[in-house]
Amino acid sequence: MTSLPKRITLVLPYYNEENYILPTLRAIAAQDTRDFRLVIVNNRSNDSSPALVEQFLAASDIDYTHVDEDTPGVVPALMKGITLAQGEFIGFLNADTIYPPHYVSRCLALFDANPTATSAMAIDIYAPPHSGRARRRLRRVLFARWIMPRKCHAGTYAQAWRLDLFRSVGGFDSAIWPYVLEDHEIMVRMMDKGPSIYDRHHYCFPSPRRTNSNAVSWNGWEKIAYGLLPARAMPWFFHSHLAGKFARRKMLSEALRNRSWE
C-alpha cells in the first residue's frame, strides 16, 4: 500500500509475536493522525505472525510496507527498516507495546516545538496514565532526564529521531554495535547532535515481560557506572569497556530471540 510521503516512518521489527502483535497493530491503526508510514519487518518468524500481520494491514488504511529480514537479530531487522525510511523523522516500535492514540501526533508536535531536538523519547509506563503508579514513573524518568540530559532514558520501542541526523551517525548498524542495548549505544553517537525531548504526555505501554530482561541486559554494576560516569566517557564505556564484556557473555542482538527472560 503506498501514498504520498509521510513526515515520519515507523519501523516495527518482529519475531514470533503471534500472541502480542495484533493489539499493537490495533493501537497503530487507532492513531489520531495518518501522517506516518509503517515499515514492518519480519525477522524469520516461524509462527503465524506474518499471516496475522498481512491480514490485518491489508484490511486497514495504514500506509505500510511489509518486508523480510533473514539475518537473525533485532539490529539487522532495524537496519532493514532504516534503509526503507522516508520523511523527516524515524520512530521505532515494538511488537508487544501499546501506543496511545496520540502517540504519533504528540511525537510530531514535540519535534515541531523543539526544532533543535534530535529525538523525541516516550516514557514507558505500566499502569493507566492518571494512576499514582504511572505518575510516579513519569516523574522519575523526567527527573533522570533533568540530571542526565545526554544519556538515554527510553528503550528503542519509545524512540524517534530526526532521520537525516540519525543516518549521519550510522544509525543502528551491526558493524558499529551488534549487541543488546542498542537503544543506549545510539545515544552515545547522537548526544552531541542536540537535545532529546521527554514529555509527561508522551508515553507508551510495553509488555510486562519487558520488566524482566536481566538476562539480556547489563548487570547492576554496569548500570550504576552508566549513571555515574560523565557523558564524555560514554564512547569509552560502550566501545572499549562494554563491547568486550558483552561479546564474552554472547549478548548479541539475536540473543533476544531466546526469550529466556519472559
Foldseek 3Di string as FASTA:
>chain_A
DADPQAAEEEEEEDAQPPVAQVLQVVLVLLAPDQRYEYEYEYAPHPDCVVVVVCVVVVPGPHHYDYYYDPDFFPLSSVVVSLVVIDHFKYAYAYSRKHFHNHQVVVQVVVCVVPVQAFKEFAFEAADPLPDPRNVVSLVVLVVLCVVAFLWDDHASNGMMGGSVLCVVQPHRDCVQPQFPPPVGLSSLSCSVSGTYHYDSVHHIYGDPLVVQPVLLDDDPVLVVCSSPDHSVCVVCCVPVNVRVVCVVSVRGRSVVVVSPSD
